[in-house]
Protein backbone atom coordinates (compact mmCIF):
# COMPACT_ATOMS: atom_id res chain seq x y z
CA MET A 1 -126.78 138.01 111.84
CA LEU A 2 -129.75 137.01 109.73
CA THR A 3 -129.88 133.52 108.29
CA GLN A 4 -132.00 132.57 105.29
CA TYR A 5 -134.82 130.07 105.89
CA GLU A 6 -137.57 128.48 103.87
CA THR A 7 -140.82 127.36 105.50
CA VAL A 8 -143.45 125.21 103.82
CA PHE A 9 -146.75 124.86 105.62
CA ILE A 10 -149.99 123.06 104.82
CA LEU A 11 -153.34 124.47 105.87
CA THR A 12 -156.52 122.44 106.23
CA PRO A 13 -158.59 122.27 103.02
CA VAL A 14 -161.85 123.22 104.78
CA LEU A 15 -160.74 126.88 104.90
CA SER A 16 -162.25 129.21 102.32
CA GLU A 17 -159.89 131.05 99.98
CA ASP A 18 -160.28 134.26 102.02
CA ASP A 19 -159.64 132.48 105.34
CA ALA A 20 -156.54 130.80 103.91
CA LYS A 21 -155.19 134.15 102.68
CA LYS A 22 -155.85 135.70 106.10
CA SER A 23 -153.95 132.90 107.84
CA ILE A 24 -151.05 133.17 105.41
CA ASN A 25 -150.88 136.95 105.80
CA ALA A 26 -151.02 136.59 109.60
CA TYR A 27 -147.97 134.30 109.56
CA VAL A 28 -146.07 136.60 107.20
CA GLU A 29 -146.88 139.59 109.43
CA LEU A 30 -145.75 137.57 112.47
CA LEU A 31 -142.39 137.02 110.77
CA LYS A 32 -142.09 140.70 109.88
CA SER A 33 -142.92 141.71 113.45
CA GLN A 34 -140.02 139.53 114.61
CA GLY A 35 -137.64 141.43 112.30
CA ALA A 36 -137.65 138.98 109.39
CA GLU A 37 -137.16 140.10 105.80
CA ILE A 38 -139.40 138.27 103.32
CA VAL A 39 -137.38 137.22 100.26
CA HIS A 40 -140.04 135.31 98.32
CA GLN A 41 -143.49 133.76 98.76
CA GLU A 42 -145.20 131.17 96.62
CA HIS A 43 -148.76 129.94 96.99
CA TRP A 44 -149.08 126.39 95.64
CA GLY A 45 -152.78 126.16 96.40
CA LEU A 46 -154.81 123.01 97.03
CA LYS A 47 -152.81 119.81 96.46
CA ASN A 48 -153.20 116.14 97.30
CA LEU A 49 -151.30 114.83 100.33
CA ARG A 50 -149.15 111.69 100.11
CA TYR A 51 -150.96 110.23 103.10
CA MET A 52 -154.00 111.22 105.10
CA ILE A 53 -153.49 113.70 107.93
CA GLY A 54 -156.40 113.98 110.33
CA LYS A 55 -158.83 112.32 107.89
CA LYS A 56 -157.89 114.83 105.16
CA ASN A 57 -156.24 113.88 101.90
CA THR A 58 -155.75 117.43 100.51
CA GLY A 59 -154.20 120.60 101.88
CA ILE A 60 -153.44 124.22 100.97
CA TYR A 61 -149.68 124.62 100.49
CA HIS A 62 -147.70 127.85 100.91
CA VAL A 63 -143.93 128.50 100.84
CA VAL A 64 -142.19 131.49 102.43
CA GLU A 65 -138.49 132.23 102.02
CA TYR A 66 -137.12 134.78 104.47
CA LYS A 67 -134.07 136.09 106.33
CA ALA A 68 -134.46 136.01 110.10
CA THR A 69 -132.94 135.08 113.43
CA GLY A 70 -133.51 131.72 115.08
CA LYS A 71 -135.82 133.36 117.60
CA ALA A 72 -138.21 134.44 114.83
CA VAL A 73 -138.34 130.86 113.55
CA ASP A 74 -139.13 129.60 117.05
CA VAL A 75 -141.98 132.10 117.43
CA LEU A 76 -143.38 131.09 114.02
CA GLU A 77 -143.27 127.38 114.82
CA VAL A 78 -145.00 127.90 118.17
CA ALA A 79 -147.76 129.75 116.31
CA PHE A 80 -148.04 126.81 113.86
CA ARG A 81 -148.33 124.32 116.73
CA ARG A 82 -151.11 126.35 118.36
CA ASP A 83 -153.17 126.73 115.17
CA GLU A 84 -155.50 123.81 114.49
CA ASN A 85 -155.76 124.85 110.82
CA VAL A 86 -152.10 124.00 110.18
CA LEU A 87 -151.76 120.34 109.24
CA ARG A 88 -147.96 120.24 108.81
CA TYR A 89 -145.02 122.62 108.52
CA MET A 90 -141.32 122.34 107.80
CA THR A 91 -138.62 124.98 108.19
CA VAL A 92 -135.24 124.54 106.52
CA ARG A 93 -132.12 126.66 106.98
CA LEU A 94 -130.73 127.43 103.53
CA ASP A 95 -127.00 127.27 102.84
CA LYS A 96 -125.34 129.36 100.13
CA TYR A 97 -125.95 126.69 97.46
CA ALA A 98 -129.67 126.48 98.22
CA VAL A 99 -129.95 130.28 98.17
CA LYS A 100 -128.23 130.39 94.76
CA TYR A 101 -130.45 127.60 93.44
CA ASN A 102 -133.62 129.42 94.59
CA ASP A 103 -132.38 132.65 92.97
CA ASP A 104 -131.62 130.80 89.72
CA LYS A 105 -135.01 129.08 89.82
CA ARG A 106 -136.80 132.41 90.18
CA ALA A 107 -134.71 133.83 87.30
CA GLY A 108 -135.71 130.88 85.09
CA ILE A 109 -132.21 129.43 84.74
CA VAL A 110 -133.00 126.05 86.37
CA GLY A 111 -136.04 124.05 87.41
CA ARG A 112 -139.36 123.21 85.80
CA ASN A 113 -139.95 126.70 84.46
CA LYS A 114 -136.53 126.87 82.83
CA LYS A 115 -136.44 129.49 80.08
CA VAL A 116 -134.84 128.30 76.86
CA ASN A 117 -132.26 130.59 75.36
CA VAL A 118 -133.83 131.40 71.96
CA GLU A 119 -130.54 132.17 70.18
CA LYS A 120 -128.94 128.96 71.42
CA ALA A 121 -131.96 126.94 70.29
CA LYS A 122 -131.79 128.52 66.81
CA GLU A 123 -128.07 127.75 66.52
CA GLU A 124 -128.63 124.13 67.48
CA ALA A 125 -131.49 123.84 64.97
CA THR A 126 -129.37 125.13 62.08
CA ALA A 127 -126.31 123.04 62.98
């Protein structure tokens, strides 16, 4: 049975935009080759790190949400450990509440990009 996971990884900032995209696509293809189904990807781009990692204070962030087996996650993490361009990574198994939250966030129901219901806002303004 496939379980839903979310992996966040940080690439070194010295990579060019094209090299970063190639690395990201290579990891996504690695997941697909292991039988994973990609649910959602989000590229956060270059961001400041909380603390320095290997004399670097910025990194290129990318998030991948996917359904896979535990073996696929193991293969992905081994690839991360072998790649010197990956500063950090974290894989989290999502429970049903986290899956629903991510779906609602993408739909604009919750989170920073929450869409305001226009009719409800008008009713509150007239009341």
